[in-house]
Structures are given as C-alpha cells and as structure tokens.
C-alpha cells in the first residue's frame, strides 16, 4: 500500500508562515517535497522559524 503522506518529487507552495504554514512546510519537506514558502512579512519579522525552514531545505520567497 502506498504511503498517503509520501511527497517525494512533488512541489509544494505554502503561503503564510504563521504556525500552520511553518508546520506544513516542515511536514512536506520531511516527506521529500520541494517546498517553497512565502509570507507578506519580511524574514526578520517571521522569527526563529526561518532557521528551521532553511535547515529543512525549504526555499523562502
């Protein structure tokens, strides 16, 4: 049976980096997706999550 959470090879765009956006970005990246995340706020306003996202390989726009 195929794992329904396998995202390897998929591209995912996450809009908004509040709690849910950060969690979704990390979840998808951990399952092999190529994740791009964006937020209307500047990176320095998003907070410590930027470090986690970059470490997980999330592309930030």
Protein backbone atom coordinates (compact mmCIF):
# COMPACT_ATOMS: atom_id res chain seq x y z
CA UNK A 1 0.00 0.00 0.00
CA UNK A 2 1.30 3.44 -0.94
CA UNK A 3 2.02 5.87 1.89
CA UNK A 4 -0.54 8.70 1.52
CA UNK A 5 1.96 11.16 3.02
CA UNK A 6 4.77 10.39 0.55
CA UNK A 7 5.53 13.65 -1.24
CA UNK A 8 8.86 12.80 -2.85
CA UNK A 9 9.12 14.53 -6.21
CA UNK A 10 6.15 16.82 -5.58
CA UNK A 11 6.37 20.61 -5.49
CA UNK A 12 4.51 22.41 -2.72
CA UNK A 13 3.84 26.12 -2.23
CA UNK A 14 2.98 27.33 1.27
CA UNK A 15 1.55 30.84 1.55
CA UNK A 16 1.81 32.33 5.02
CA UNK A 17 4.36 31.46 7.68
CA UNK A 18 2.35 31.61 10.87
CA UNK A 19 2.26 28.43 13.00
CA UNK A 20 0.33 26.34 10.49
CA UNK A 21 2.39 27.48 7.50
CA UNK A 22 5.66 26.67 9.23
CA UNK A 23 4.36 23.27 10.37
CA UNK A 24 3.06 22.46 6.89
CA UNK A 25 6.35 23.47 5.29
CA UNK A 26 8.36 21.27 7.64
CA UNK A 27 5.92 18.34 7.29
CA UNK A 28 6.08 18.41 3.50
CA UNK A 29 9.87 18.89 3.37
CA UNK A 30 10.37 15.93 5.72
CA UNK A 31 8.38 13.77 3.31
CA UNK A 32 10.50 14.65 0.30
CA UNK A 33 8.61 17.55 -1.27
CA UNK A 34 10.35 20.51 -2.84
CA UNK A 35 8.82 23.24 -0.68
CA UNK A 36 8.66 26.95 -1.42
CA UNK A 37 7.22 29.14 1.32
CA UNK A 38 6.28 32.79 1.25
CA UNK A 39 4.92 35.39 3.64
CA UNK A 40 3.97 39.05 3.26
CA UNK A 41 6.19 39.89 6.24
CA UNK A 42 9.95 40.40 5.98
CA UNK A 43 12.14 37.47 7.09
CA UNK A 44 13.21 39.27 10.27
CA UNK A 45 9.52 39.61 11.22
CA UNK A 46 8.80 35.90 10.79
CA UNK A 47 11.13 34.99 13.64
CA UNK A 48 13.12 31.91 14.59
CA UNK A 49 11.16 29.69 12.21
CA UNK A 50 13.36 30.92 9.36
CA UNK A 51 16.31 28.95 10.75
CA UNK A 52 14.24 25.75 10.97
CA UNK A 53 12.84 26.19 7.48
CA UNK A 54 16.23 26.78 5.90
CA UNK A 55 17.69 23.78 7.74
CA UNK A 56 14.87 21.64 6.32
CA UNK A 57 15.68 22.80 2.79
CA UNK A 58 12.61 25.00 2.34
CA UNK A 59 13.00 27.68 -0.33
CA UNK A 60 11.95 31.07 1.02
CA UNK A 61 10.50 33.70 -1.28
